[in-house]
Amino acid sequence: MINPFELEKTRDLCFAPYPADQIERALLILSGMPKLQATRTHKAHTLQIQYNLMDYMLEGLERALEHEGFHLDHSFLHNVGRNIIYYCEDTTRHNMEIRDHVTKKNEKDVFVGLNGHHLQAAQAGKPPELREFE
């Protein structure tokens, strides 16, 4: 089960240095989105966003900004970090949709059945005179 506090995400959006006014424009657009908070940071060309994973994913937000003509920082380290975040968020959302496996409720029965099977298999390789001593 996923802790609901793990669904609250705080991420940095790193923009390219050009065009110069894109931070202000992105802040204006993102501030108007429901259930999303966007603020400036002390880092140059960076906005900090806070969102719930049930509402948004970083990949979708960045793709939408790029579609609107914004230029993100595509340096090697930012791309690696960005792809790790994309994968983790996608996996978390996918795992939220999966129900508990049926064996979680009857673990004891499953393992009892497995142990019985292993005992029979172990005895099959013993000579008949040694089988009765267990």
N, C-alpha and C. Protein backbone atom coordinates (compact mmCIF):
# COMPACT_ATOMS: atom_id res chain seq x y z
N MET A 1 0.84 -1.18 0.00
CA MET A 1 0.00 0.00 0.00
C MET A 1 0.89 1.24 0.00
N ILE A 2 0.50 2.23 -0.74
CA ILE A 2 1.30 3.44 -0.88
C ILE A 2 0.89 4.44 0.18
N ASN A 3 1.88 4.99 0.83
CA ASN A 3 1.65 6.02 1.83
C ASN A 3 1.12 7.26 1.13
N PRO A 4 -0.01 7.83 1.58
CA PRO A 4 -0.56 9.00 0.89
C PRO A 4 0.37 10.21 0.91
N PHE A 5 1.28 10.26 1.88
CA PHE A 5 2.22 11.38 1.92
C PHE A 5 3.28 11.26 0.83
N GLU A 6 3.47 10.08 0.29
CA GLU A 6 4.42 9.90 -0.79
C GLU A 6 3.86 10.37 -2.13
N LEU A 7 2.60 10.70 -2.16
CA LEU A 7 1.98 11.17 -3.39
C LEU A 7 2.18 12.67 -3.59
N GLU A 8 2.53 13.38 -2.52
CA GLU A 8 2.80 14.82 -2.62
C GLU A 8 4.22 15.00 -3.12
N LYS A 9 4.37 15.65 -4.26
CA LYS A 9 5.68 15.80 -4.89
C LYS A 9 6.09 17.26 -4.96
N THR A 10 7.36 17.51 -4.76
CA THR A 10 7.96 18.83 -4.95
C THR A 10 9.10 18.64 -5.93
N ARG A 11 9.02 19.30 -7.05
CA ARG A 11 10.00 19.12 -8.12
C ARG A 11 10.49 20.48 -8.62
N ASP A 12 11.68 20.47 -9.20
CA ASP A 12 12.22 21.66 -9.85
C ASP A 12 12.05 21.53 -11.35
N LEU A 13 11.56 22.59 -11.96
CA LEU A 13 11.49 22.67 -13.42
C LEU A 13 12.66 23.54 -13.85
N CYS A 14 13.58 22.97 -14.59
CA CYS A 14 14.78 23.69 -15.03
C CYS A 14 14.61 24.09 -16.49
N PHE A 15 14.65 25.38 -16.72
CA PHE A 15 14.46 25.92 -18.07
C PHE A 15 15.81 26.29 -18.68
N ALA A 16 15.84 26.33 -20.00
CA ALA A 16 17.02 26.82 -20.72
C ALA A 16 17.13 28.33 -20.49
N PRO A 17 18.31 28.88 -20.62
CA PRO A 17 18.46 30.32 -20.37
C PRO A 17 17.77 31.21 -21.41
N TYR A 18 17.38 30.68 -22.52
CA TYR A 18 16.70 31.46 -23.54
C TYR A 18 15.31 30.90 -23.78
N PRO A 19 14.33 31.59 -24.16
CA PRO A 19 14.22 33.06 -24.09
C PRO A 19 14.14 33.53 -22.64
N ALA A 20 14.51 34.77 -22.43
CA ALA A 20 14.70 35.29 -21.08
C ALA A 20 13.40 35.37 -20.26
N ASP A 21 12.28 35.57 -20.88
CA ASP A 21 11.02 35.79 -20.12
C ASP A 21 10.21 34.52 -19.87
N GLN A 22 10.75 33.36 -20.20
CA GLN A 22 9.94 32.15 -20.09
C GLN A 22 9.66 31.74 -18.64
N ILE A 23 10.49 32.10 -17.70
CA ILE A 23 10.22 31.77 -16.29
C ILE A 23 8.95 32.48 -15.83
N GLU A 24 8.83 33.76 -16.14
CA GLU A 24 7.65 34.52 -15.74
C GLU A 24 6.39 33.99 -16.41
N ARG A 25 6.50 33.67 -17.69
CA ARG A 25 5.34 33.14 -18.41
C ARG A 25 4.92 31.77 -17.87
N ALA A 26 5.89 30.92 -17.60
CA ALA A 26 5.59 29.58 -17.06
C ALA A 26 4.99 29.69 -15.67
N LEU A 27 5.51 30.61 -14.86
CA LEU A 27 4.96 30.82 -13.51
C LEU A 27 3.51 31.27 -13.59
N LEU A 28 3.21 32.13 -14.51
CA LEU A 28 1.84 32.61 -14.69
C LEU A 28 0.90 31.47 -15.10
N ILE A 29 1.33 30.64 -16.04
CA ILE A 29 0.51 29.52 -16.51
C ILE A 29 0.33 28.48 -15.42
N LEU A 30 1.42 28.08 -14.78
CA LEU A 30 1.36 27.02 -13.77
C LEU A 30 0.60 27.45 -12.52
N SER A 31 0.68 28.72 -12.16
CA SER A 31 -0.04 29.22 -10.98
C SER A 31 -1.55 29.17 -11.18
N GLY A 32 -1.99 29.19 -12.42
CA GLY A 32 -3.41 29.13 -12.70
C GLY A 32 -3.99 27.73 -12.77
N MET A 33 -3.14 26.72 -12.63
CA MET A 33 -3.61 25.35 -12.71
C MET A 33 -4.13 24.88 -11.35
N PRO A 34 -5.27 24.17 -11.35
CA PRO A 34 -5.82 23.70 -10.07
C PRO A 34 -4.93 22.63 -9.43
N LYS A 35 -4.85 22.65 -8.12
CA LYS A 35 -4.11 21.66 -7.32
C LYS A 35 -2.63 21.60 -7.67
N LEU A 36 -2.06 22.73 -8.09
CA LEU A 36 -0.64 22.80 -8.41
C LEU A 36 -0.12 24.14 -7.90
N GLN A 37 1.00 24.11 -7.22
CA GLN A 37 1.62 25.34 -6.73
C GLN A 37 2.96 25.51 -7.43
N ALA A 38 3.21 26.71 -7.91
CA ALA A 38 4.47 27.02 -8.58
C ALA A 38 5.07 28.26 -7.93
N THR A 39 6.37 28.19 -7.62
CA THR A 39 7.06 29.32 -7.01
C THR A 39 8.44 29.46 -7.64
N ARG A 40 8.98 30.68 -7.54
CA ARG A 40 10.35 30.92 -7.99
C ARG A 40 11.31 30.37 -6.95
N THR A 41 12.50 30.05 -7.38
CA THR A 41 13.55 29.58 -6.46
C THR A 41 14.74 30.53 -6.55
N HIS A 42 15.70 30.30 -5.68
CA HIS A 42 16.92 31.11 -5.71
C HIS A 42 17.85 30.69 -6.86
N LYS A 43 17.57 29.53 -7.47
CA LYS A 43 18.37 29.06 -8.60
C LYS A 43 17.92 29.77 -9.88
N ALA A 44 18.87 30.08 -10.71
CA ALA A 44 18.55 30.74 -11.98
C ALA A 44 17.83 29.76 -12.90
N HIS A 45 16.85 30.25 -13.62
CA HIS A 45 16.11 29.50 -14.64
C HIS A 45 15.38 28.29 -14.05
N THR A 46 14.93 28.37 -12.81
CA THR A 46 14.28 27.24 -12.16
C THR A 46 13.01 27.67 -11.44
N LEU A 47 11.97 26.88 -11.62
CA LEU A 47 10.73 27.03 -10.86
C LEU A 47 10.55 25.78 -10.01
N GLN A 48 9.95 25.94 -8.85
CA GLN A 48 9.63 24.79 -8.02
C GLN A 48 8.13 24.57 -8.08
N ILE A 49 7.73 23.33 -8.32
CA ILE A 49 6.30 23.02 -8.38
C ILE A 49 5.98 21.96 -7.32
N GLN A 50 4.77 22.05 -6.80
CA GLN A 50 4.26 21.06 -5.84
C GLN A 50 2.93 20.56 -6.37
N TYR A 51 2.77 19.25 -6.36
CA TYR A 51 1.56 18.64 -6.89
C TYR A 51 1.36 17.29 -6.25
N ASN A 52 0.16 16.76 -6.44
CA ASN A 52 -0.15 15.42 -5.98
C ASN A 52 -0.09 14.50 -7.18
N LEU A 53 0.47 13.33 -6.98
CA LEU A 53 0.63 12.38 -8.08
C LEU A 53 -0.71 11.87 -8.62
N MET A 54 -1.75 12.01 -7.84
CA MET A 54 -3.07 11.63 -8.33
C MET A 54 -3.57 12.62 -9.38
N ASP A 55 -3.03 13.85 -9.36
CA ASP A 55 -3.49 14.90 -10.27
C ASP A 55 -2.56 15.14 -11.46
N TYR A 56 -1.27 15.10 -11.22
CA TYR A 56 -0.30 15.43 -12.26
C TYR A 56 0.89 14.49 -12.20
N MET A 57 1.64 14.48 -13.31
CA MET A 57 2.94 13.81 -13.37
C MET A 57 3.91 14.80 -14.00
N LEU A 58 5.16 14.75 -13.57
CA LEU A 58 6.16 15.68 -14.09
C LEU A 58 6.28 15.57 -15.61
N GLU A 59 6.24 14.37 -16.12
CA GLU A 59 6.38 14.18 -17.56
C GLU A 59 5.28 14.91 -18.33
N GLY A 60 4.05 14.80 -17.87
CA GLY A 60 2.95 15.47 -18.54
C GLY A 60 3.06 16.98 -18.46
N LEU A 61 3.47 17.49 -17.30
CA LEU A 61 3.62 18.93 -17.15
C LEU A 61 4.72 19.47 -18.06
N GLU A 62 5.85 18.77 -18.10
CA GLU A 62 6.95 19.24 -18.94
C GLU A 62 6.62 19.13 -20.43
N ARG A 63 5.96 18.07 -20.81
CA ARG A 63 5.57 17.92 -22.22
C ARG A 63 4.59 19.03 -22.63
N ALA A 64 3.66 19.36 -21.73
CA ALA A 64 2.70 20.43 -22.03
C ALA A 64 3.41 21.78 -22.16
N LEU A 65 4.39 22.04 -21.29
CA LEU A 65 5.14 23.29 -21.39
C LEU A 65 5.94 23.35 -22.69
N GLU A 66 6.57 22.25 -23.07
CA GLU A 66 7.31 22.23 -24.32
C GLU A 66 6.39 22.40 -25.52
N HIS A 67 5.21 21.84 -25.43
CA HIS A 67 4.22 21.99 -26.50
C HIS A 67 3.81 23.46 -26.66
N GLU A 68 3.81 24.19 -25.55
CA GLU A 68 3.45 25.61 -25.58
C GLU A 68 4.63 26.51 -25.98
N GLY A 69 5.78 25.91 -26.27
CA GLY A 69 6.91 26.68 -26.76
C GLY A 69 7.98 26.98 -25.73
N PHE A 70 7.89 26.44 -24.54
CA PHE A 70 8.92 26.65 -23.53
C PHE A 70 10.11 25.74 -23.82
N HIS A 71 11.29 26.19 -23.40
CA HIS A 71 12.52 25.42 -23.63
C HIS A 71 13.07 24.99 -22.28
N LEU A 72 13.09 23.69 -22.04
CA LEU A 72 13.63 23.15 -20.80
C LEU A 72 15.12 22.88 -20.95
N ASP A 73 15.79 22.78 -19.82
CA ASP A 73 17.21 22.46 -19.81
C ASP A 73 17.36 20.98 -20.15
N HIS A 74 18.04 20.69 -21.25
CA HIS A 74 18.21 19.30 -21.69
C HIS A 74 19.67 18.86 -21.56
N SER A 75 20.34 19.35 -20.52
CA SER A 75 21.70 18.87 -20.28
C SER A 75 21.64 17.41 -19.85
N PHE A 76 22.78 16.73 -19.91
CA PHE A 76 22.82 15.30 -19.64
C PHE A 76 22.27 14.96 -18.25
N LEU A 77 22.76 15.65 -17.22
CA LEU A 77 22.32 15.33 -15.85
C LEU A 77 20.84 15.60 -15.64
N HIS A 78 20.34 16.69 -16.21
CA HIS A 78 18.91 16.95 -16.07
C HIS A 78 18.08 15.89 -16.78
N ASN A 79 18.53 15.44 -17.93
CA ASN A 79 17.79 14.40 -18.66
C ASN A 79 17.78 13.09 -17.89
N VAL A 80 18.90 12.71 -17.30
CA VAL A 80 18.96 11.47 -16.53
C VAL A 80 18.02 11.55 -15.32
N GLY A 81 18.14 12.64 -14.57
CA GLY A 81 17.28 12.82 -13.40
C GLY A 81 15.81 12.87 -13.77
N ARG A 82 15.52 13.55 -14.86
CA ARG A 82 14.14 13.68 -15.33
C ARG A 82 13.57 12.31 -15.71
N ASN A 83 14.34 11.49 -16.39
CA ASN A 83 13.86 10.17 -16.78
C ASN A 83 13.66 9.24 -15.59
N ILE A 84 14.49 9.38 -14.57
CA ILE A 84 14.30 8.59 -13.35
C ILE A 84 13.00 9.00 -12.67
N ILE A 85 12.75 10.29 -12.59
CA ILE A 85 11.50 10.77 -11.99
C ILE A 85 10.30 10.29 -12.79
N TYR A 86 10.38 10.38 -14.12
CA TYR A 86 9.28 9.90 -14.97
C TYR A 86 8.97 8.43 -14.66
N TYR A 87 10.02 7.62 -14.60
CA TYR A 87 9.84 6.19 -14.35
C TYR A 87 9.22 5.94 -12.97
N CYS A 88 9.76 6.61 -11.95
CA CYS A 88 9.25 6.40 -10.58
C CYS A 88 7.79 6.83 -10.45
N GLU A 89 7.46 7.97 -11.02
CA GLU A 89 6.07 8.43 -10.93
C GLU A 89 5.13 7.51 -11.69
N ASP A 90 5.55 7.08 -12.86
CA ASP A 90 4.72 6.17 -13.65
C ASP A 90 4.52 4.85 -12.92
N THR A 91 5.58 4.33 -12.32
CA THR A 91 5.48 3.07 -11.57
C THR A 91 4.58 3.22 -10.35
N THR A 92 4.70 4.33 -9.65
CA THR A 92 3.86 4.57 -8.47
C THR A 92 2.39 4.63 -8.87
N ARG A 93 2.09 5.36 -9.92
CA ARG A 93 0.69 5.44 -10.37
C ARG A 93 0.18 4.09 -10.84
N HIS A 94 1.03 3.33 -11.51
CA HIS A 94 0.63 2.00 -11.97
C HIS A 94 0.36 1.09 -10.77
N ASN A 95 1.22 1.15 -9.76
CA ASN A 95 1.05 0.31 -8.57
C ASN A 95 -0.20 0.68 -7.77
N MET A 96 -0.64 1.90 -7.86
CA MET A 96 -1.85 2.30 -7.14
C MET A 96 -3.09 1.65 -7.74
N GLU A 97 -3.00 1.25 -8.98
CA GLU A 97 -4.15 0.64 -9.65
C GLU A 97 -4.21 -0.88 -9.47
N ILE A 98 -3.13 -1.47 -8.98
CA ILE A 98 -3.08 -2.93 -8.84
C ILE A 98 -3.64 -3.33 -7.48
N ARG A 99 -4.58 -4.27 -7.48
CA ARG A 99 -5.13 -4.79 -6.24
C ARG A 99 -4.15 -5.75 -5.60
N ASP A 100 -4.34 -6.00 -4.30
CA ASP A 100 -3.50 -6.98 -3.61
C ASP A 100 -3.69 -8.34 -4.24
N HIS A 101 -2.61 -9.10 -4.30
CA HIS A 101 -2.65 -10.44 -4.87
C HIS A 101 -3.47 -11.35 -3.95
N VAL A 102 -4.15 -12.29 -4.52
CA VAL A 102 -5.06 -13.16 -3.78
C VAL A 102 -4.33 -13.93 -2.69
N THR A 103 -3.07 -14.30 -2.89
CA THR A 103 -2.37 -15.10 -1.89
C THR A 103 -2.05 -14.31 -0.63
N LYS A 104 -2.20 -13.00 -0.63
CA LYS A 104 -1.95 -12.22 0.57
C LYS A 104 -2.91 -12.61 1.69
N LYS A 105 -4.10 -13.06 1.36
CA LYS A 105 -5.10 -13.39 2.37
C LYS A 105 -4.93 -14.81 2.89
N ASN A 106 -4.33 -15.67 2.10
CA ASN A 106 -4.21 -17.07 2.51
C ASN A 106 -2.77 -17.56 2.37
N GLU A 107 -1.82 -16.75 2.87
CA GLU A 107 -0.41 -17.13 2.77
C GLU A 107 -0.12 -18.47 3.43
N LYS A 108 -0.72 -18.68 4.60
CA LYS A 108 -0.47 -19.91 5.34
C LYS A 108 -0.86 -21.13 4.52
N ASP A 109 -2.02 -21.09 3.89
CA ASP A 109 -2.47 -22.21 3.08
C ASP A 109 -1.54 -22.46 1.89
N VAL A 110 -1.05 -21.40 1.29
CA VAL A 110 -0.16 -21.54 0.14
C VAL A 110 1.12 -22.23 0.56
N PHE A 111 1.72 -21.78 1.67
CA PHE A 111 2.99 -22.35 2.10
C PHE A 111 2.83 -23.76 2.66
N VAL A 112 1.71 -24.05 3.28
CA VAL A 112 1.47 -25.41 3.75
C VAL A 112 1.42 -26.35 2.55
N GLY A 113 0.76 -25.94 1.50
CA GLY A 113 0.70 -26.75 0.29
C GLY A 113 2.07 -26.94 -0.33
N LEU A 114 2.90 -25.89 -0.32
CA LEU A 114 4.24 -26.00 -0.89
C LEU A 114 5.11 -26.93 -0.06
N ASN A 115 5.03 -26.83 1.27
CA ASN A 115 5.85 -27.68 2.12
C ASN A 115 5.48 -29.15 1.95
N GLY A 116 4.22 -29.46 1.85
CA GLY A 116 3.80 -30.83 1.63
C GLY A 116 4.34 -31.38 0.32
N HIS A 117 4.35 -30.55 -0.70
CA HIS A 117 4.87 -30.95 -2.00
C HIS A 117 6.38 -31.21 -1.92
N HIS A 118 7.10 -30.35 -1.21
CA HIS A 118 8.55 -30.51 -1.11
C HIS A 118 8.91 -31.78 -0.34
N LEU A 119 8.14 -32.13 0.70
CA LEU A 119 8.44 -33.34 1.46
C LEU A 119 8.29 -34.58 0.59
N GLN A 120 7.24 -34.61 -0.22
CA GLN A 120 7.04 -35.76 -1.09
C GLN A 120 8.17 -35.86 -2.11
N ALA A 121 8.58 -34.74 -2.64
CA ALA A 121 9.65 -34.74 -3.64
C ALA A 121 10.97 -35.16 -3.00
N ALA A 122 11.21 -34.73 -1.75
CA ALA A 122 12.45 -35.08 -1.07
C ALA A 122 12.50 -36.58 -0.76
N GLN A 123 11.37 -37.14 -0.41
CA GLN A 123 11.35 -38.56 -0.09
C GLN A 123 11.46 -39.44 -1.33
N ALA A 124 11.10 -38.93 -2.46
CA ALA A 124 11.12 -39.74 -3.67
C ALA A 124 12.53 -40.18 -4.04
N GLY A 125 13.56 -39.39 -3.66
CA GLY A 125 14.92 -39.74 -4.02
C GLY A 125 15.61 -40.63 -3.00
N LYS A 126 14.96 -40.93 -1.87
CA LYS A 126 15.57 -41.75 -0.83
C LYS A 126 15.30 -43.23 -1.08
N PRO A 127 16.22 -44.04 -0.64
CA PRO A 127 15.96 -45.49 -0.73
C PRO A 127 14.78 -45.86 0.18
N PRO A 128 13.99 -46.88 -0.16
CA PRO A 128 12.80 -47.25 0.63
C PRO A 128 13.10 -47.52 2.10
N GLU A 129 14.24 -48.07 2.43
CA GLU A 129 14.53 -48.40 3.84
C GLU A 129 14.77 -47.14 4.68
N LEU A 130 15.14 -46.00 4.07
CA LEU A 130 15.38 -44.76 4.82
C LEU A 130 14.16 -43.86 4.89
N ARG A 131 13.15 -44.09 4.08
CA ARG A 131 11.97 -43.23 4.04
C ARG A 131 11.18 -43.27 5.32
N GLU A 132 11.16 -44.37 6.02
CA GLU A 132 10.32 -44.50 7.23
C GLU A 132 10.96 -43.85 8.44
N PHE A 133 12.21 -43.39 8.37
CA PHE A 133 12.86 -42.81 9.54
C PHE A 133 12.64 -41.33 9.70
N GLU A 134 11.85 -40.70 8.90
CA GLU A 134 11.59 -39.27 9.04
C GLU A 134 10.36 -38.98 9.81
